[in-house]
Amino acid sequence: MAIKTVIFDFDGVIAEPGFRLGLAQMSSASDLPVEELARQGMRALLKSGYVTGQGSEVAFWDLLTASTEIEGDAAQLREAIISQSEIRQPMLKLIEVLRNSGITVALLSDHTDWLDQIISQHQLDVHFDYLFNSYHLHQCKRDSLLFDRVVGLVKTVAEQTLFIDDNPNNVERATSRGLSGIVYQDHPKLLTAMAGLGVLT
């Protein structure tokens, strides 16, 4: 079936990986590699419940600082993440092409209320037909049933939906629910993969 809806991840796809880069900016005193910092950061987001809007930024920060040597405070990390989440302009141009061709475009992010500020700052709401954030859905992409829920909210079917994420595990969960999936590596490879699925000509 032809793809009629494309769902994009935010961090690392639509924008530079602000969470990872923000953690790195805050961790000058830490001996942990950036990838380990990111793993600890995601663990703290999940364990605190902050990523699904069921916990606080303070609880997240307390867990993170207990397992790393990050300096500063939660407000500084928030600002670092937001400032590092630079929007990739070629992605916005791609979204424009898709929407002009009649394809519905959605954003699905495992983010917190940090994303609300980023969306407002960059007026991202005008570029997407739907914006979905785990913080407001109270459910994240580690739960494969989230993809069923989002497909229903968009009022489409999985077989006509493409999901794009830089995390292979998220793409695997999406495809397990019947969606098509692409693991984002870089922009040229993304365009090639989308053309291969007939989404781009």
N, C-alpha and C. Protein backbone atom coordinates (compact mmCIF):
# COMPACT_ATOMS: atom_id res chain seq x y z
N MET A 1 0.84 -1.19 0.00
CA MET A 1 0.00 0.00 0.00
C MET A 1 0.88 1.25 0.00
N ALA A 2 0.43 2.29 -0.68
CA ALA A 2 1.21 3.53 -0.77
C ALA A 2 1.27 4.21 0.59
N ILE A 3 2.41 4.83 0.86
CA ILE A 3 2.60 5.57 2.11
C ILE A 3 1.81 6.88 2.03
N LYS A 4 0.95 7.10 3.03
CA LYS A 4 0.16 8.33 3.08
C LYS A 4 0.49 9.19 4.29
N THR A 5 1.21 8.61 5.26
CA THR A 5 1.61 9.34 6.47
C THR A 5 3.07 9.05 6.78
N VAL A 6 3.82 10.09 7.09
CA VAL A 6 5.22 9.93 7.51
C VAL A 6 5.35 10.52 8.90
N ILE A 7 5.89 9.73 9.83
CA ILE A 7 6.10 10.15 11.21
C ILE A 7 7.59 10.27 11.48
N PHE A 8 8.02 11.44 11.91
CA PHE A 8 9.44 11.70 12.18
C PHE A 8 9.71 11.77 13.67
N ASP A 9 10.84 11.20 14.09
CA ASP A 9 11.39 11.48 15.41
C ASP A 9 11.94 12.91 15.39
N PHE A 10 12.13 13.47 16.57
CA PHE A 10 12.67 14.83 16.65
C PHE A 10 14.18 14.85 16.89
N ASP A 11 14.61 14.44 18.06
CA ASP A 11 16.02 14.55 18.46
C ASP A 11 16.88 13.61 17.63
N GLY A 12 17.79 14.16 16.84
CA GLY A 12 18.65 13.35 16.00
C GLY A 12 18.12 13.13 14.60
N VAL A 13 16.90 13.59 14.32
CA VAL A 13 16.32 13.48 12.97
C VAL A 13 15.92 14.86 12.47
N ILE A 14 14.88 15.42 13.06
CA ILE A 14 14.46 16.78 12.67
C ILE A 14 15.48 17.81 13.17
N ALA A 15 16.08 17.52 14.29
CA ALA A 15 17.06 18.45 14.88
C ALA A 15 18.34 17.70 15.24
N GLU A 16 19.39 18.46 15.48
CA GLU A 16 20.61 17.87 16.01
C GLU A 16 20.28 17.21 17.35
N PRO A 17 21.06 16.20 17.75
CA PRO A 17 20.75 15.47 18.99
C PRO A 17 21.00 16.32 20.23
N GLY A 18 20.07 17.22 20.51
CA GLY A 18 20.24 18.19 21.58
C GLY A 18 20.40 17.58 22.96
N PHE A 19 19.72 16.46 23.20
CA PHE A 19 19.83 15.82 24.52
C PHE A 19 21.26 15.35 24.75
N ARG A 20 21.81 14.65 23.76
CA ARG A 20 23.18 14.15 23.88
C ARG A 20 24.18 15.30 23.92
N LEU A 21 24.00 16.28 23.06
CA LEU A 21 24.94 17.40 23.01
C LEU A 21 24.85 18.26 24.26
N GLY A 22 23.63 18.42 24.78
CA GLY A 22 23.46 19.20 26.00
C GLY A 22 24.12 18.53 27.19
N LEU A 23 23.98 17.20 27.28
CA LEU A 23 24.65 16.46 28.35
C LEU A 23 26.15 16.60 28.24
N ALA A 24 26.66 16.50 27.02
CA ALA A 24 28.11 16.62 26.81
C ALA A 24 28.60 18.00 27.23
N GLN A 25 27.82 19.03 26.94
CA GLN A 25 28.20 20.40 27.29
C GLN A 25 28.28 20.57 28.81
N MET A 26 27.43 19.84 29.53
CA MET A 26 27.36 19.98 30.99
C MET A 26 28.35 19.07 31.72
N SER A 27 29.05 18.20 30.99
CA SER A 27 29.78 17.12 31.66
C SER A 27 31.29 17.27 31.59
N SER A 28 31.79 18.47 31.62
CA SER A 28 33.23 18.69 31.48
C SER A 28 34.03 17.99 32.57
N ALA A 29 33.42 17.77 33.73
CA ALA A 29 34.14 17.15 34.85
C ALA A 29 33.97 15.63 34.86
N SER A 30 33.19 15.10 33.94
CA SER A 30 32.91 13.67 33.95
C SER A 30 33.87 12.91 33.05
N ASP A 31 34.23 11.71 33.49
CA ASP A 31 35.08 10.84 32.68
C ASP A 31 34.27 9.91 31.80
N LEU A 32 32.94 9.99 31.90
CA LEU A 32 32.09 9.09 31.12
C LEU A 32 32.05 9.51 29.65
N PRO A 33 32.12 8.54 28.73
CA PRO A 33 31.95 8.86 27.31
C PRO A 33 30.55 9.44 27.06
N VAL A 34 30.41 10.20 25.98
CA VAL A 34 29.13 10.84 25.68
C VAL A 34 28.01 9.81 25.54
N GLU A 35 28.28 8.69 24.89
CA GLU A 35 27.24 7.68 24.71
C GLU A 35 26.76 7.12 26.05
N GLU A 36 27.69 6.96 27.00
CA GLU A 36 27.30 6.48 28.32
C GLU A 36 26.51 7.54 29.06
N LEU A 37 26.89 8.80 28.89
CA LEU A 37 26.13 9.89 29.49
C LEU A 37 24.70 9.90 28.96
N ALA A 38 24.57 9.71 27.65
CA ALA A 38 23.24 9.69 27.04
C ALA A 38 22.43 8.51 27.56
N ARG A 39 23.08 7.37 27.74
CA ARG A 39 22.38 6.19 28.27
C ARG A 39 21.91 6.46 29.70
N GLN A 40 22.78 7.05 30.52
CA GLN A 40 22.41 7.38 31.89
C GLN A 40 21.29 8.42 31.91
N GLY A 41 21.37 9.36 30.98
CA GLY A 41 20.34 10.39 30.89
C GLY A 41 18.99 9.80 30.56
N MET A 42 18.95 8.90 29.58
CA MET A 42 17.67 8.27 29.21
C MET A 42 17.15 7.40 30.34
N ARG A 43 18.05 6.72 31.02
CA ARG A 43 17.65 5.90 32.17
C ARG A 43 16.99 6.77 33.23
N ALA A 44 17.58 7.94 33.49
CA ALA A 44 17.03 8.85 34.50
C ALA A 44 15.67 9.40 34.05
N LEU A 45 15.54 9.70 32.76
CA LEU A 45 14.26 10.17 32.24
C LEU A 45 13.16 9.13 32.45
N LEU A 46 13.49 7.87 32.17
CA LEU A 46 12.51 6.79 32.30
C LEU A 46 12.20 6.49 33.76
N LYS A 47 13.24 6.37 34.57
CA LYS A 47 13.05 5.99 35.96
C LYS A 47 12.31 7.06 36.75
N SER A 48 12.58 8.31 36.43
CA SER A 48 11.91 9.42 37.14
C SER A 48 10.47 9.61 36.66
N GLY A 49 10.16 9.07 35.47
CA GLY A 49 8.84 9.29 34.89
C GLY A 49 8.71 10.62 34.17
N TYR A 50 9.80 11.38 34.09
CA TYR A 50 9.73 12.71 33.50
C TYR A 50 9.41 12.65 32.01
N VAL A 51 9.93 11.64 31.31
CA VAL A 51 9.72 11.56 29.86
C VAL A 51 8.26 11.29 29.50
N THR A 52 7.51 10.69 30.43
CA THR A 52 6.10 10.44 30.16
C THR A 52 5.19 11.36 30.97
N GLY A 53 5.74 12.45 31.47
CA GLY A 53 4.93 13.44 32.18
C GLY A 53 4.40 12.96 33.51
N GLN A 54 5.00 11.92 34.05
CA GLN A 54 4.53 11.35 35.32
C GLN A 54 5.55 11.56 36.43
N GLY A 55 6.54 12.37 36.17
CA GLY A 55 7.55 12.71 37.16
C GLY A 55 8.05 14.12 36.87
N SER A 56 8.93 14.60 37.72
CA SER A 56 9.36 15.99 37.61
C SER A 56 10.78 16.12 37.05
N GLU A 57 11.07 17.31 36.58
CA GLU A 57 12.42 17.62 36.12
C GLU A 57 13.41 17.50 37.29
N VAL A 58 12.99 17.88 38.47
CA VAL A 58 13.85 17.79 39.66
C VAL A 58 14.19 16.33 39.96
N ALA A 59 13.19 15.45 39.88
CA ALA A 59 13.44 14.02 40.13
C ALA A 59 14.40 13.45 39.10
N PHE A 60 14.22 13.84 37.85
CA PHE A 60 15.13 13.41 36.78
C PHE A 60 16.55 13.88 37.09
N TRP A 61 16.69 15.14 37.45
CA TRP A 61 18.02 15.72 37.70
C TRP A 61 18.69 15.02 38.89
N ASP A 62 17.93 14.74 39.93
CA ASP A 62 18.49 14.07 41.10
C ASP A 62 19.03 12.68 40.73
N LEU A 63 18.29 11.94 39.91
CA LEU A 63 18.74 10.63 39.47
C LEU A 63 19.98 10.73 38.59
N LEU A 64 19.97 11.71 37.69
CA LEU A 64 21.10 11.86 36.77
C LEU A 64 22.38 12.23 37.50
N THR A 65 22.29 13.17 38.41
CA THR A 65 23.50 13.61 39.12
C THR A 65 23.99 12.56 40.11
N ALA A 66 23.13 11.64 40.49
CA ALA A 66 23.55 10.56 41.38
C ALA A 66 24.40 9.53 40.65
N SER A 67 24.26 9.46 39.32
CA SER A 67 24.98 8.44 38.55
C SER A 67 26.08 9.02 37.65
N THR A 68 26.20 10.35 37.62
CA THR A 68 27.22 10.99 36.78
C THR A 68 27.87 12.11 37.58
N GLU A 69 28.85 12.75 36.95
CA GLU A 69 29.53 13.88 37.59
C GLU A 69 29.17 15.20 36.91
N ILE A 70 27.98 15.25 36.37
CA ILE A 70 27.54 16.47 35.69
C ILE A 70 27.43 17.61 36.70
N GLU A 71 27.92 18.76 36.28
CA GLU A 71 27.89 19.94 37.14
C GLU A 71 26.79 20.89 36.70
N GLY A 72 26.36 21.75 37.60
CA GLY A 72 25.34 22.74 37.28
C GLY A 72 24.02 22.37 37.92
N ASP A 73 22.93 22.78 37.27
CA ASP A 73 21.61 22.46 37.80
C ASP A 73 20.66 22.12 36.66
N ALA A 74 19.45 21.74 37.02
CA ALA A 74 18.49 21.29 36.02
C ALA A 74 18.16 22.39 35.01
N ALA A 75 18.06 23.62 35.46
CA ALA A 75 17.73 24.73 34.56
C ALA A 75 18.83 24.93 33.52
N GLN A 76 20.08 24.75 33.94
CA GLN A 76 21.20 24.90 33.00
C GLN A 76 21.18 23.78 31.97
N LEU A 77 20.85 22.57 32.40
CA LEU A 77 20.77 21.46 31.45
C LEU A 77 19.64 21.69 30.47
N ARG A 78 18.50 22.14 30.96
CA ARG A 78 17.37 22.45 30.07
C ARG A 78 17.81 23.44 28.99
N GLU A 79 18.48 24.50 29.39
CA GLU A 79 18.92 25.52 28.43
C GLU A 79 19.94 24.94 27.46
N ALA A 80 20.84 24.08 27.96
CA ALA A 80 21.84 23.47 27.08
C ALA A 80 21.17 22.59 26.03
N ILE A 81 20.19 21.80 26.45
CA ILE A 81 19.50 20.92 25.51
C ILE A 81 18.73 21.72 24.47
N ILE A 82 18.04 22.75 24.91
CA ILE A 82 17.27 23.57 23.98
C ILE A 82 18.18 24.29 23.00
N SER A 83 19.28 24.83 23.48
CA SER A 83 20.19 25.58 22.60
C SER A 83 20.90 24.66 21.62
N GLN A 84 21.13 23.41 22.01
CA GLN A 84 21.83 22.46 21.14
C GLN A 84 20.89 21.78 20.14
N SER A 85 19.59 21.93 20.33
CA SER A 85 18.61 21.28 19.45
C SER A 85 18.39 22.13 18.19
N GLU A 86 19.44 22.26 17.43
CA GLU A 86 19.39 23.08 16.21
C GLU A 86 18.57 22.37 15.14
N ILE A 87 17.59 23.05 14.61
CA ILE A 87 16.70 22.47 13.60
C ILE A 87 17.46 22.28 12.29
N ARG A 88 17.31 21.11 11.70
CA ARG A 88 17.95 20.82 10.41
C ARG A 88 17.05 21.34 9.29
N GLN A 89 17.47 22.41 8.67
CA GLN A 89 16.63 23.05 7.65
C GLN A 89 16.31 22.14 6.47
N PRO A 90 17.24 21.27 6.01
CA PRO A 90 16.86 20.35 4.93
C PRO A 90 15.69 19.44 5.29
N MET A 91 15.55 19.14 6.58
CA MET A 91 14.42 18.31 7.00
C MET A 91 13.11 19.07 6.87
N LEU A 92 13.13 20.36 7.19
CA LEU A 92 11.92 21.16 7.04
C LEU A 92 11.54 21.29 5.56
N LYS A 93 12.55 21.38 4.70
CA LYS A 93 12.26 21.44 3.25
C LYS A 93 11.67 20.12 2.77
N LEU A 94 12.18 19.00 3.29
CA LEU A 94 11.63 17.69 2.95
C LEU A 94 10.19 17.58 3.40
N ILE A 95 9.89 18.04 4.59
CA ILE A 95 8.52 18.01 5.11
C ILE A 95 7.59 18.83 4.21
N GLU A 96 8.07 19.97 3.76
CA GLU A 96 7.27 20.80 2.85
C GLU A 96 6.95 20.06 1.56
N VAL A 97 7.96 19.36 1.03
CA VAL A 97 7.76 18.57 -0.20
C VAL A 97 6.71 17.49 0.03
N LEU A 98 6.81 16.80 1.15
CA LEU A 98 5.86 15.73 1.46
C LEU A 98 4.44 16.27 1.60
N ARG A 99 4.28 17.34 2.33
CA ARG A 99 2.95 17.89 2.55
C ARG A 99 2.35 18.42 1.25
N ASN A 100 3.19 19.02 0.41
CA ASN A 100 2.71 19.52 -0.88
C ASN A 100 2.27 18.39 -1.81
N SER A 101 2.79 17.17 -1.55
CA SER A 101 2.40 16.02 -2.37
C SER A 101 1.19 15.29 -1.78
N GLY A 102 0.64 15.83 -0.68
CA GLY A 102 -0.56 15.25 -0.10
C GLY A 102 -0.33 14.27 1.02
N ILE A 103 0.93 14.13 1.45
CA ILE A 103 1.25 13.21 2.54
C ILE A 103 1.09 13.92 3.88
N THR A 104 0.47 13.23 4.83
CA THR A 104 0.33 13.74 6.20
C THR A 104 1.66 13.55 6.93
N VAL A 105 2.09 14.58 7.65
CA VAL A 105 3.38 14.53 8.35
C VAL A 105 3.17 14.77 9.84
N ALA A 106 3.76 13.87 10.64
CA ALA A 106 3.62 13.97 12.09
C ALA A 106 4.99 13.90 12.75
N LEU A 107 5.06 14.41 13.96
CA LEU A 107 6.25 14.33 14.81
C LEU A 107 5.91 13.45 16.00
N LEU A 108 6.79 12.50 16.32
CA LEU A 108 6.61 11.65 17.49
C LEU A 108 7.93 11.59 18.24
N SER A 109 7.97 12.17 19.42
CA SER A 109 9.22 12.30 20.16
C SER A 109 9.11 11.80 21.59
N ASP A 110 10.14 11.07 22.03
CA ASP A 110 10.29 10.75 23.45
C ASP A 110 11.00 11.93 24.10
N HIS A 111 10.27 12.99 24.32
CA HIS A 111 10.85 14.22 24.86
C HIS A 111 10.08 14.60 26.12
N THR A 112 10.43 15.70 26.70
CA THR A 112 9.73 16.21 27.88
C THR A 112 9.10 17.55 27.51
N ASP A 113 8.73 18.33 28.50
CA ASP A 113 8.20 19.66 28.20
C ASP A 113 9.27 20.59 27.66
N TRP A 114 10.53 20.14 27.60
CA TRP A 114 11.56 20.90 26.89
C TRP A 114 11.13 21.11 25.44
N LEU A 115 10.51 20.08 24.87
CA LEU A 115 10.12 20.15 23.46
C LEU A 115 9.07 21.23 23.22
N ASP A 116 8.21 21.48 24.19
CA ASP A 116 7.21 22.54 24.04
C ASP A 116 7.89 23.88 23.77
N GLN A 117 8.96 24.13 24.51
CA GLN A 117 9.69 25.39 24.33
C GLN A 117 10.37 25.44 22.97
N ILE A 118 10.93 24.31 22.54
CA ILE A 118 11.60 24.27 21.23
C ILE A 118 10.59 24.49 20.11
N ILE A 119 9.43 23.84 20.21
CA ILE A 119 8.38 23.99 19.19
C ILE A 119 7.94 25.44 19.10
N SER A 120 7.74 26.08 20.24
CA SER A 120 7.32 27.48 20.26
C SER A 120 8.40 28.39 19.70
N GLN A 121 9.63 28.15 20.09
CA GLN A 121 10.74 28.99 19.67
C GLN A 121 10.95 28.95 18.17
N HIS A 122 10.77 27.77 17.57
CA HIS A 122 11.03 27.60 16.13
C HIS A 122 9.75 27.52 15.31
N GLN A 123 8.60 27.71 15.95
CA GLN A 123 7.30 27.66 15.27
C GLN A 123 7.14 26.38 14.45
N LEU A 124 7.52 25.26 15.06
CA LEU A 124 7.48 23.98 14.36
C LEU A 124 6.06 23.51 14.10
N ASP A 125 5.09 24.04 14.86
CA ASP A 125 3.72 23.59 14.68
C ASP A 125 3.19 23.88 13.27
N VAL A 126 3.75 24.86 12.58
CA VAL A 126 3.26 25.19 11.24
C VAL A 126 3.79 24.19 10.21
N HIS A 127 4.78 23.38 10.58
CA HIS A 127 5.39 22.45 9.63
C HIS A 127 4.78 21.05 9.69
N PHE A 128 4.04 20.75 10.76
CA PHE A 128 3.52 19.40 10.95
C PHE A 128 2.00 19.41 11.05
N ASP A 129 1.41 18.31 10.57
CA ASP A 129 -0.03 18.13 10.73
C ASP A 129 -0.38 17.68 12.14
N TYR A 130 0.54 16.91 12.75
CA TYR A 130 0.34 16.41 14.11
C TYR A 130 1.65 16.47 14.87
N LEU A 131 1.57 16.81 16.15
CA LEU A 131 2.73 16.81 17.04
C LEU A 131 2.42 15.90 18.23
N PHE A 132 3.22 14.86 18.40
CA PHE A 132 3.04 13.92 19.50
C PHE A 132 4.30 13.89 20.35
N ASN A 133 4.14 14.03 21.65
CA ASN A 133 5.25 14.06 22.59
C ASN A 133 4.93 13.11 23.74
N SER A 134 5.86 12.22 24.06
CA SER A 134 5.64 11.25 25.13
C SER A 134 5.23 11.92 26.44
N TYR A 135 5.75 13.12 26.67
CA TYR A 135 5.45 13.84 27.91
C TYR A 135 3.95 14.06 28.06
N HIS A 136 3.29 14.36 26.94
CA HIS A 136 1.85 14.63 26.98
C HIS A 136 1.02 13.36 26.75
N LEU A 137 1.58 12.39 26.03
CA LEU A 137 0.87 11.14 25.79
C LEU A 137 0.92 10.20 27.00
N HIS A 138 1.86 10.45 27.93
CA HIS A 138 2.09 9.58 29.08
C HIS A 138 2.43 8.15 28.65
N GLN A 139 3.15 8.08 27.53
CA GLN A 139 3.53 6.78 26.95
C GLN A 139 4.70 7.05 26.02
N CYS A 140 5.72 6.20 26.06
CA CYS A 140 6.88 6.46 25.21
C CYS A 140 7.09 5.33 24.21
N LYS A 141 8.06 5.52 23.32
CA LYS A 141 8.28 4.59 22.21
C LYS A 141 8.82 3.24 22.65
N ARG A 142 9.21 3.10 23.90
CA ARG A 142 9.60 1.78 24.40
C ARG A 142 8.40 0.86 24.52
N ASP A 143 7.21 1.43 24.46
CA ASP A 143 5.97 0.68 24.45
C ASP A 143 5.49 0.62 23.00
N SER A 144 5.61 -0.53 22.37
CA SER A 144 5.28 -0.64 20.95
C SER A 144 3.82 -0.30 20.67
N LEU A 145 2.96 -0.41 21.67
CA LEU A 145 1.54 -0.08 21.46
C LEU A 145 1.33 1.41 21.23
N LEU A 146 2.33 2.22 21.54
CA LEU A 146 2.24 3.65 21.26
C LEU A 146 2.04 3.88 19.76
N PHE A 147 2.65 3.04 18.94
CA PHE A 147 2.53 3.23 17.50
C PHE A 147 1.10 2.96 17.03
N ASP A 148 0.43 1.98 17.62
CA ASP A 148 -0.98 1.76 17.31
C ASP A 148 -1.80 2.99 17.68
N ARG A 149 -1.49 3.54 18.83
CA ARG A 149 -2.23 4.70 19.33
C ARG A 149 -2.06 5.90 18.40
N VAL A 150 -0.82 6.16 17.98
CA VAL A 150 -0.55 7.31 17.13
C VAL A 150 -1.19 7.13 15.75
N VAL A 151 -1.10 5.93 15.20
CA VAL A 151 -1.74 5.65 13.92
C VAL A 151 -3.25 5.93 14.03
N GLY A 152 -3.85 5.54 15.14
CA GLY A 152 -5.27 5.81 15.33
C GLY A 152 -5.58 7.28 15.45
N LEU A 153 -4.72 8.02 16.14
CA LEU A 153 -4.94 9.46 16.31
C LEU A 153 -4.82 10.20 14.98
N VAL A 154 -3.96 9.70 14.12
CA VAL A 154 -3.80 10.32 12.79
C VAL A 154 -4.93 9.89 11.86
N LYS A 155 -5.65 8.85 12.26
CA LYS A 155 -6.77 8.32 11.47
C LYS A 155 -6.27 7.73 10.15
N THR A 156 -5.22 6.92 10.26
CA THR A 156 -4.70 6.23 9.10
C THR A 156 -4.55 4.76 9.48
N VAL A 157 -3.80 4.00 8.68
CA VAL A 157 -3.53 2.59 8.99
C VAL A 157 -2.03 2.37 8.97
N ALA A 158 -1.57 1.37 9.71
CA ALA A 158 -0.13 1.12 9.83
C ALA A 158 0.51 0.85 8.48
N GLU A 159 -0.19 0.13 7.61
CA GLU A 159 0.38 -0.25 6.31
C GLU A 159 0.63 0.94 5.40
N GLN A 160 0.03 2.08 5.72
CA GLN A 160 0.23 3.29 4.91
C GLN A 160 1.05 4.34 5.66
N THR A 161 1.79 3.89 6.69
CA THR A 161 2.52 4.81 7.55
C THR A 161 4.00 4.46 7.59
N LEU A 162 4.84 5.47 7.45
CA LEU A 162 6.29 5.33 7.53
C LEU A 162 6.79 6.04 8.77
N PHE A 163 7.63 5.36 9.54
CA PHE A 163 8.22 5.93 10.74
C PHE A 163 9.73 6.05 10.57
N ILE A 164 10.29 7.23 10.93
CA ILE A 164 11.72 7.51 10.76
C ILE A 164 12.30 7.92 12.10
N ASP A 165 13.35 7.21 12.53
CA ASP A 165 13.96 7.47 13.84
C ASP A 165 15.44 7.10 13.73
N ASP A 166 16.28 7.76 14.52
CA ASP A 166 17.70 7.41 14.51
C ASP A 166 18.00 6.27 15.48
N ASN A 167 17.01 5.84 16.25
CA ASN A 167 17.17 4.73 17.17
C ASN A 167 16.62 3.46 16.52
N PRO A 168 17.49 2.50 16.18
CA PRO A 168 17.01 1.29 15.51
C PRO A 168 15.97 0.52 16.33
N ASN A 169 16.07 0.57 17.65
CA ASN A 169 15.11 -0.15 18.49
C ASN A 169 13.70 0.41 18.34
N ASN A 170 13.61 1.74 18.23
CA ASN A 170 12.30 2.36 18.02
C ASN A 170 11.72 1.97 16.66
N VAL A 171 12.58 1.95 15.64
CA VAL A 171 12.11 1.56 14.31
C VAL A 171 11.65 0.11 14.32
N GLU A 172 12.39 -0.75 15.01
CA GLU A 172 12.00 -2.16 15.10
C GLU A 172 10.64 -2.31 15.77
N ARG A 173 10.41 -1.53 16.84
CA ARG A 173 9.11 -1.61 17.51
C ARG A 173 7.99 -1.13 16.59
N ALA A 174 8.27 -0.08 15.81
CA ALA A 174 7.25 0.43 14.88
C ALA A 174 6.92 -0.59 13.80
N THR A 175 7.95 -1.22 13.24
CA THR A 175 7.70 -2.20 12.18
C THR A 175 7.00 -3.45 12.72
N SER A 176 7.21 -3.74 14.01
CA SER A 176 6.51 -4.88 14.62
C SER A 176 5.01 -4.64 14.69
N ARG A 177 4.60 -3.37 14.59
CA ARG A 177 3.18 -3.01 14.62
C ARG A 177 2.64 -2.76 13.21
N GLY A 178 3.44 -3.09 12.19
CA GLY A 178 2.96 -3.01 10.81
C GLY A 178 3.34 -1.78 10.04
N LEU A 179 4.04 -0.82 10.68
CA LEU A 179 4.48 0.37 9.97
C LEU A 179 5.73 0.04 9.14
N SER A 180 5.98 0.83 8.12
CA SER A 180 7.27 0.80 7.44
C SER A 180 8.24 1.63 8.28
N GLY A 181 9.53 1.32 8.19
CA GLY A 181 10.48 2.05 9.02
C GLY A 181 11.79 2.32 8.32
N ILE A 182 12.40 3.45 8.66
CA ILE A 182 13.73 3.81 8.18
C ILE A 182 14.54 4.27 9.39
N VAL A 183 15.73 3.69 9.55
CA VAL A 183 16.66 4.17 10.57
C VAL A 183 17.45 5.34 9.98
N TYR A 184 17.29 6.50 10.57
CA TYR A 184 17.97 7.70 10.05
C TYR A 184 19.47 7.62 10.31
N GLN A 185 20.27 7.83 9.25
CA GLN A 185 21.72 7.90 9.36
C GLN A 185 22.23 9.27 8.94
N ASP A 186 21.80 9.69 7.77
CA ASP A 186 22.09 11.04 7.31
C ASP A 186 21.05 11.41 6.25
N HIS A 187 21.07 12.66 5.83
CA HIS A 187 20.00 13.14 4.93
C HIS A 187 20.02 12.45 3.57
N PRO A 188 21.18 12.35 2.89
CA PRO A 188 21.17 11.68 1.58
C PRO A 188 20.66 10.24 1.65
N LYS A 189 21.07 9.49 2.67
CA LYS A 189 20.62 8.10 2.80
C LYS A 189 19.13 8.05 3.08
N LEU A 190 18.62 9.02 3.82
CA LEU A 190 17.19 9.08 4.08
C LEU A 190 16.42 9.29 2.78
N LEU A 191 16.86 10.22 1.97
CA LEU A 191 16.17 10.48 0.70
C LEU A 191 16.18 9.25 -0.19
N THR A 192 17.31 8.55 -0.23
CA THR A 192 17.41 7.33 -1.03
C THR A 192 16.44 6.27 -0.54
N ALA A 193 16.38 6.10 0.78
CA ALA A 193 15.48 5.09 1.36
C ALA A 193 14.02 5.44 1.11
N MET A 194 13.69 6.72 1.22
CA MET A 194 12.31 7.14 0.98
C MET A 194 11.92 6.96 -0.48
N ALA A 195 12.86 7.22 -1.37
CA ALA A 195 12.61 7.01 -2.80
C ALA A 195 12.38 5.53 -3.07
N GLY A 196 13.14 4.68 -2.38
CA GLY A 196 12.99 3.25 -2.55
C GLY A 196 11.62 2.74 -2.12
N LEU A 197 10.99 3.45 -1.19
CA LEU A 197 9.65 3.09 -0.74
C LEU A 197 8.56 3.79 -1.56
N GLY A 198 8.99 4.60 -2.52
CA GLY A 198 8.02 5.29 -3.38
C GLY A 198 7.44 6.54 -2.75
N VAL A 199 8.02 6.98 -1.62
CA VAL A 199 7.50 8.18 -0.96
C VAL A 199 7.96 9.43 -1.69
N LEU A 200 9.17 9.38 -2.22
CA LEU A 200 9.72 10.48 -3.01
C LEU A 200 9.94 9.99 -4.44
N THR A 201 9.83 10.90 -5.38
CA THR A 201 10.07 10.53 -6.78
C THR A 201 11.27 11.33 -7.32
